[in-house]
């Protein structure tokens, strides 16, 4: 029994100035893309991934900064695991 998976398709139409279309066609040709659609789709996809990655990195960085700041501001004493790790580190660097 063969299982089939289908990829649902969606359409994206746009109007743009002729000069812009010519520019895109030239870039697609020089870049070795099969056609203008491939160039536009792959370029937009690459840019979308870049924007999402940058945004997620910023969010992670902000979250990490908050965790780090809160750890610095926490005046509680280190737990046993942290004390043991610090001692192990000191021994390792003295060798």
Foldseek 3Di string as FASTA:
>chain_A
DDDDDDDDDDDDDDDDDPVVQVVLQVCCVVVVHPGSVRSVVVVVVVVVVVVVVVVVVVVVVVVVVVVVVVVVVDPDDDDPVVVVVVVVVVVVVVD
